[in-house]
Every structure is written in C-alpha cells, then in structure tokens.
C-alpha cells in the first residue's frame, strides 16, 4: 500500500475513533510519530477547502437565504452564527488562557452554518477563556462583517409586506446586535409578538448547533481532549469540518426540518 494511503488510513482511524497515536501505531505495527504526521491533515485541508468552502459572494448569500426561507421559514437569513469550545490538554506555560467557563481547556471554533447544516465560514484558534462575542469581534469574519466587507445582497422585501429587511445572520445573546446580526429579545416578560419572534429565530439558529453535534458524532476525536500542540489542534479541527462528508448525505428536505421540530418538542 502506498505511503500516502497508509497515512490517510491512520488519520481516518485517529479522527473517527479518537484513539491515541500509540494505540493506532500498535494496530498497524508502526511508530506513534508516524501516525501523528500532521502533513496529512494539511494535505486534506488544502485539497478540500477550495471545493467545500466556495468564496462568499452576493449570489451565494442569496442562495443561502432562499434555503433558510424554504426550510426554516426565516426570510433574508444567510447563516446561523455560533461558537464551540474544542477540548484540548492544557498547553505548557499557558496559565488560564485556554481555561473556559465550562471548567476545561479549549480553543474556540467560530462558525457560520447554512440551512442544510453546511459550514460557510469558520475561524479556529481563539483562546478558550474568551466568550463567543469576544472571539467573534477578533475573528477575520467578525471584522469583515462589522466593516461591511462581506458583499451581502441589498435589503429585500419581507414576503407578504412592503417592508425591507437587510440580509443577516442569526445568533444568540452572546453576539452584538447589528444591522446584519439578528439576536433574540432579552428578558422573560415578553409580549406575544416578541415571544413568537424568539421562537422563530431559535428555530433558524439551531442549525448551527446541529452542525456542531454532527461534527462531534462523525469524529469521535472531539469526545475527548486533543493531546497535541495548539497549532496542530487547529489544523485537525479545520480538517474535520465535515462539508465534504455532509454533502454526500444530501440536502435537507422541508419535511426533515419539520421532523427536527417534532423531536425537539418531544424532548
């Protein structure tokens, strides 16, 4: 078997099972440092990124908005924004930089997900101690959004009305309210209109949480701390983003989104 195929096999076993380099090396009768060659992740990332992460444009954002309107009944939404803490072992001399509010060490994955649970934009590597809002503001995507550099389409009419709405991302309370970021109303004593709005926004926003859940279940490596250097952990996370795999599952259908709502209601 060619060396590149063997290394791909080692990487697949490592990411899918979460087993240690030593355990995989023992299974294949190779040294653990051979299993842990990060070049395979880099090759995978460089090969698949142009295919799985097309350059955002007005046309792409408009297509994403149509899917959100069809599947989640939320017009002018181009993506759901959220962050995930990826567990790592504490790096040497890191102090509390990576220690998060959940009481473990992590790096942050900030992501925008479309209506079909596909990643559109990602940013990996922020310190775990920072919250989602702080990580968003320092990310390249956050800076581009705040500086209006994302090439979003012009505002569009809300279906059935003569009111215009800007194209936007849906997020939770951790993110700043912005012309292009929609977040729920604060407080518990909400009138019926605001309560219904929060429910509708939550329904659209949950796609990003589902995408993180799929990511963790497809790659068991995220069920335990990554025992590698921080730079390598960032590369592994980027290589695991599952658009290539998710695309082979097919697009979501309207009845699928209804089934997800039913399951959520039952729980």
Protein backbone atom coordinates (compact mmCIF):
# COMPACT_ATOMS: atom_id res chain seq x y z
CA UNK A 1 0.00 0.00 0.00
CA UNK A 2 1.47 3.44 -0.93
CA UNK A 3 2.66 5.59 1.99
CA UNK A 4 0.14 8.36 1.32
CA UNK A 5 -2.71 5.82 1.51
CA UNK A 6 -1.39 4.42 4.77
CA UNK A 7 -1.13 7.88 6.30
CA UNK A 8 -4.66 8.70 5.20
CA UNK A 9 -5.80 5.48 6.85
CA UNK A 10 -4.01 6.41 10.09
CA UNK A 11 -5.62 9.87 10.07
CA UNK A 12 -9.08 8.45 9.39
CA UNK A 13 -8.75 5.98 12.27
CA UNK A 14 -7.42 8.70 14.60
CA UNK A 15 -10.21 11.18 13.86
CA UNK A 16 -13.07 8.70 13.62
CA UNK A 17 -12.20 6.69 16.75
CA UNK A 18 -10.35 9.20 18.92
CA UNK A 19 -7.78 6.53 19.73
CA UNK A 20 -4.28 7.59 20.77
CA UNK A 21 -1.32 7.62 18.39
CA UNK A 22 0.23 4.80 20.41
CA UNK A 23 -2.88 2.62 20.09
CA UNK A 24 -3.17 3.16 16.34
CA UNK A 25 0.56 2.61 15.89
CA UNK A 26 0.28 -0.70 17.72
CA UNK A 27 -2.64 -1.76 15.47
CA UNK A 28 -0.71 -1.04 12.28
CA UNK A 29 2.74 -2.00 13.62
CA UNK A 30 4.21 1.46 13.02
CA UNK A 31 5.76 4.09 15.28
CA UNK A 32 3.40 6.51 17.02
CA UNK A 33 5.22 9.52 15.49
CA UNK A 34 4.46 8.12 12.03
CA UNK A 35 0.76 8.02 12.85
CA UNK A 36 0.89 11.61 14.10
CA UNK A 37 2.21 13.20 10.91
CA UNK A 38 0.27 16.47 10.68
CA UNK A 39 1.17 16.82 6.98
CA UNK A 40 -1.76 14.53 6.13
CA UNK A 41 -4.21 16.94 7.75
CA UNK A 42 -2.63 19.83 5.90
CA UNK A 43 -2.87 17.99 2.58
CA UNK A 44 -6.52 17.12 3.25
CA UNK A 45 -7.26 20.71 4.22
CA UNK A 46 -5.52 22.25 1.20
CA UNK A 47 -7.19 19.83 -1.20
CA UNK A 48 -10.77 20.03 0.07
CA UNK A 49 -11.02 23.67 1.18
CA UNK A 50 -11.43 25.12 -2.34
CA UNK A 51 -14.12 22.51 -3.06
CA UNK A 52 -16.03 22.68 0.23
CA UNK A 53 -15.73 26.39 1.08
CA UNK A 54 -16.57 28.49 -2.00
CA UNK A 55 -15.74 32.19 -1.85
CA UNK A 56 -18.76 34.08 -0.43
CA UNK A 57 -20.50 36.36 -2.93
CA UNK A 58 -23.86 38.07 -3.40
CA UNK A 59 -25.06 35.10 -5.44
CA UNK A 60 -24.00 32.59 -2.78
CA UNK A 61 -25.58 34.58 0.06
CA UNK A 62 -28.85 34.90 -1.92
CA UNK A 63 -28.92 31.12 -2.45
CA UNK A 64 -28.35 30.51 1.26
CA UNK A 65 -31.18 32.92 2.10
CA UNK A 66 -33.61 31.07 -0.18
CA UNK A 67 -32.82 27.80 1.59
CA UNK A 68 -33.43 29.36 5.02
CA UNK A 69 -36.78 30.70 3.83
CA UNK A 70 -37.75 27.30 2.40
CA UNK A 71 -36.59 25.06 5.25
CA UNK A 72 -36.86 27.27 8.33
CA UNK A 73 -39.35 29.95 7.29
CA UNK A 74 -36.96 32.79 8.18
CA UNK A 75 -36.54 35.27 5.29
CA UNK A 76 -33.35 37.18 4.47
CA UNK A 77 -31.25 34.94 6.73
CA UNK A 78 -27.94 33.90 5.17
CA UNK A 79 -26.46 31.86 8.02
CA UNK A 80 -26.54 30.88 11.69
CA UNK A 81 -23.60 32.03 13.80
CA UNK A 82 -22.27 30.37 16.96
CA UNK A 83 -19.13 29.14 18.70
CA UNK A 84 -17.97 25.77 20.02
CA UNK A 85 -15.27 25.01 22.59
CA UNK A 86 -12.98 22.23 21.34
CA UNK A 87 -11.42 20.47 24.31
CA UNK A 88 -7.61 20.30 24.45
CA UNK A 89 -4.99 19.38 27.00
CA UNK A 90 -3.57 22.41 28.77
CA UNK A 91 -0.50 23.66 26.84
CA UNK A 92 2.73 24.23 28.74
CA UNK A 93 3.04 27.64 30.42
CA UNK A 94 -0.41 28.69 29.15
CA UNK A 95 -1.78 29.75 32.51
CA UNK A 96 -5.53 30.34 32.28
CA UNK A 97 -5.61 31.49 28.63
CA UNK A 98 -7.33 28.34 27.42
CA UNK A 99 -9.43 27.66 30.55
CA UNK A 100 -13.08 28.38 29.76
CA UNK A 101 -16.22 28.99 31.81
CA UNK A 102 -17.14 25.30 31.45
CA UNK A 103 -14.04 24.47 33.52
CA UNK A 104 -11.89 22.77 30.89
CA UNK A 105 -9.15 23.90 28.49
CA UNK A 106 -10.19 24.61 24.93
CA UNK A 107 -9.74 26.51 21.71
CA UNK A 108 -12.72 28.15 20.05
CA UNK A 109 -14.36 27.26 16.77
CA UNK A 110 -16.47 30.13 15.43
CA UNK A 111 -18.68 29.11 12.52
CA UNK A 112 -21.45 30.23 10.20
CA UNK A 113 -23.70 27.37 9.06
CA UNK A 114 -26.30 27.36 6.28
CA UNK A 115 -29.81 25.92 6.26
CA UNK A 116 -28.51 22.49 5.15
CA UNK A 117 -26.07 22.22 8.10
CA UNK A 118 -23.05 23.04 5.91
CA UNK A 119 -20.24 25.26 7.17
CA UNK A 120 -19.87 28.50 5.19
CA UNK A 121 -17.26 30.40 7.21
CA UNK A 122 -15.08 29.16 10.09
CA UNK A 123 -12.45 30.61 12.38
CA UNK A 124 -10.41 28.36 14.70
CA UNK A 125 -7.89 29.06 17.44
CA UNK A 126 -9.19 31.78 19.76
CA UNK A 127 -8.35 31.30 23.45
CA UNK A 128 -10.95 29.28 25.35
CA UNK A 129 -11.22 31.89 28.12
CA UNK A 130 -12.93 34.36 25.74
CA UNK A 131 -16.69 34.21 25.27
CA UNK A 132 -18.37 33.91 21.88
CA UNK A 133 -18.86 37.64 21.48
CA UNK A 134 -15.21 38.45 22.17
CA UNK A 135 -13.99 35.68 19.87
CA UNK A 136 -16.32 36.94 17.13
CA UNK A 137 -15.01 40.52 17.35
CA UNK A 138 -11.38 39.42 16.95
CA UNK A 139 -12.05 36.93 14.13
CA UNK A 140 -11.48 37.80 10.47
CA UNK A 141 -15.16 37.12 9.76
CA UNK A 142 -16.31 39.39 12.58
CA UNK A 143 -14.10 42.23 11.39
CA UNK A 144 -15.31 41.79 7.80
CA UNK A 145 -18.96 41.83 8.90
CA UNK A 146 -18.56 44.91 11.08
CA UNK A 147 -16.70 46.70 8.27
CA UNK A 148 -19.37 45.68 5.72
CA UNK A 149 -16.90 43.73 3.59
CA UNK A 150 -18.93 40.51 3.17
CA UNK A 151 -20.62 41.52 -0.12
CA UNK A 152 -24.11 40.80 1.23
CA UNK A 153 -27.06 41.44 -1.15
CA UNK A 154 -29.06 44.64 -0.86
CA UNK A 155 -32.06 44.62 1.51
CA UNK A 156 -35.05 42.65 0.26
CA UNK A 157 -38.79 42.86 0.82
CA UNK A 158 -40.25 40.62 3.52
CA UNK A 159 -42.69 38.22 1.79
CA UNK A 160 -46.26 39.49 2.00
CA UNK A 161 -45.28 43.02 3.06
CA UNK A 162 -43.79 46.19 1.62
CA UNK A 163 -41.13 46.36 4.37
CA UNK A 164 -37.47 45.87 3.51
CA UNK A 165 -35.18 43.71 5.64
CA UNK A 166 -31.37 43.58 5.41
CA UNK A 167 -29.74 40.23 4.85
CA UNK A 168 -28.45 38.99 8.18
CA UNK A 169 -27.06 36.21 10.35
CA UNK A 170 -28.97 34.78 13.32
CA UNK A 171 -27.14 34.39 16.62
CA UNK A 172 -27.74 34.10 20.37
CA UNK A 173 -27.45 36.71 23.11
CA UNK A 174 -23.64 36.43 23.27
CA UNK A 175 -23.30 38.31 19.98
CA UNK A 176 -23.76 42.06 19.44
CA UNK A 177 -26.96 43.37 17.87
CA UNK A 178 -26.08 44.72 14.46
CA UNK A 179 -27.76 45.64 11.18
CA UNK A 180 -26.62 42.25 9.84
CA UNK A 181 -26.86 40.21 13.07
CA UNK A 182 -30.27 39.22 14.41
CA UNK A 183 -30.46 38.10 18.05
CA UNK A 184 -33.43 37.30 20.30
CA UNK A 185 -35.19 39.80 22.52
CA UNK A 186 -33.89 39.88 26.08
CA UNK A 187 -36.00 39.29 29.15
CA UNK A 188 -38.67 36.90 30.33
CA UNK A 189 -41.75 39.12 30.40
CA UNK A 190 -42.16 39.37 26.64
CA UNK A 191 -45.35 40.13 24.78
CA UNK A 192 -46.73 37.54 22.38
CA UNK A 193 -45.17 39.13 19.29
CA UNK A 194 -41.65 39.12 20.74
CA UNK A 195 -42.06 35.62 22.13
CA UNK A 196 -43.09 34.27 18.72
CA UNK A 197 -40.15 36.09 17.12
CA UNK A 198 -37.74 34.49 19.59
CA UNK A 199 -39.18 31.06 18.81
CA UNK A 200 -38.82 31.60 15.08
CA UNK A 201 -35.26 32.88 15.44
CA UNK A 202 -34.34 29.95 17.69
CA UNK A 203 -35.73 27.56 15.08
CA UNK A 204 -33.47 29.05 12.41
CA UNK A 205 -30.45 29.32 14.69
CA UNK A 206 -30.46 25.72 15.86
CA UNK A 207 -28.93 24.57 12.55
CA UNK A 208 -25.51 25.66 13.78
CA UNK A 209 -25.92 23.65 17.00
CA UNK A 210 -27.00 20.63 14.94
CA UNK A 211 -23.92 21.06 12.72
CA UNK A 212 -21.65 21.05 15.79
CA UNK A 213 -23.42 17.93 17.04
CA UNK A 214 -22.93 16.15 13.72
CA UNK A 215 -19.27 17.18 13.72
CA UNK A 216 -18.73 15.65 17.16
CA UNK A 217 -20.56 12.44 16.35
CA UNK A 218 -18.86 11.85 13.00
CA UNK A 219 -15.41 12.39 14.51
CA UNK A 220 -15.06 10.72 17.91
CA UNK A 221 -11.80 12.61 18.45
CA UNK A 222 -13.90 15.52 19.73
CA UNK A 223 -15.33 13.41 22.55
CA UNK A 224 -12.05 13.77 24.49
CA UNK A 225 -9.23 16.35 24.79
CA UNK A 226 -6.91 16.74 21.81
CA UNK A 227 -3.47 15.67 23.03
CA UNK A 228 -1.46 17.67 20.51
CA UNK A 229 0.10 21.11 20.30
CA UNK A 230 -2.30 24.02 19.85
CA UNK A 231 -1.24 24.71 16.24
CA UNK A 232 -1.81 21.06 15.36
CA UNK A 233 -5.17 21.08 17.17
CA UNK A 234 -6.28 23.98 14.98
CA UNK A 235 -5.25 22.06 11.84
CA UNK A 236 -7.12 18.93 12.98
CA UNK A 237 -10.31 20.92 13.64
CA UNK A 238 -10.13 22.58 10.23
CA UNK A 239 -9.57 19.23 8.51
CA UNK A 240 -12.56 17.71 10.33
CA UNK A 241 -15.11 20.31 9.25
CA UNK A 242 -17.47 17.99 7.51
CA UNK A 243 -18.76 19.71 4.35
CA UNK A 244 -17.13 17.04 2.18
CA UNK A 245 -18.85 14.27 4.15
CA UNK A 246 -22.06 16.22 4.77
CA UNK A 247 -22.51 16.91 1.04
CA UNK A 248 -22.79 13.17 0.45
CA UNK A 249 -25.68 12.96 2.90
CA UNK A 250 -27.75 15.12 0.51
CA UNK A 251 -29.65 18.36 1.03
CA UNK A 252 -32.24 18.65 3.74
CA UNK A 253 -35.90 18.48 2.70
CA UNK A 254 -38.72 20.61 4.16
CA UNK A 255 -40.20 17.54 5.86
CA UNK A 256 -36.83 16.92 7.55
CA UNK A 257 -36.93 20.32 9.25
CA UNK A 258 -40.47 19.54 10.43
CA UNK A 259 -39.27 16.22 11.88
CA UNK A 260 -36.47 18.05 13.73
CA UNK A 261 -39.04 20.43 15.23
CA UNK A 262 -41.15 17.45 16.36
CA UNK A 263 -38.17 15.74 18.04
CA UNK A 264 -37.19 18.99 19.79
CA UNK A 265 -40.78 19.43 21.04
CA UNK A 266 -40.87 15.89 22.42
CA UNK A 267 -37.62 16.45 24.34
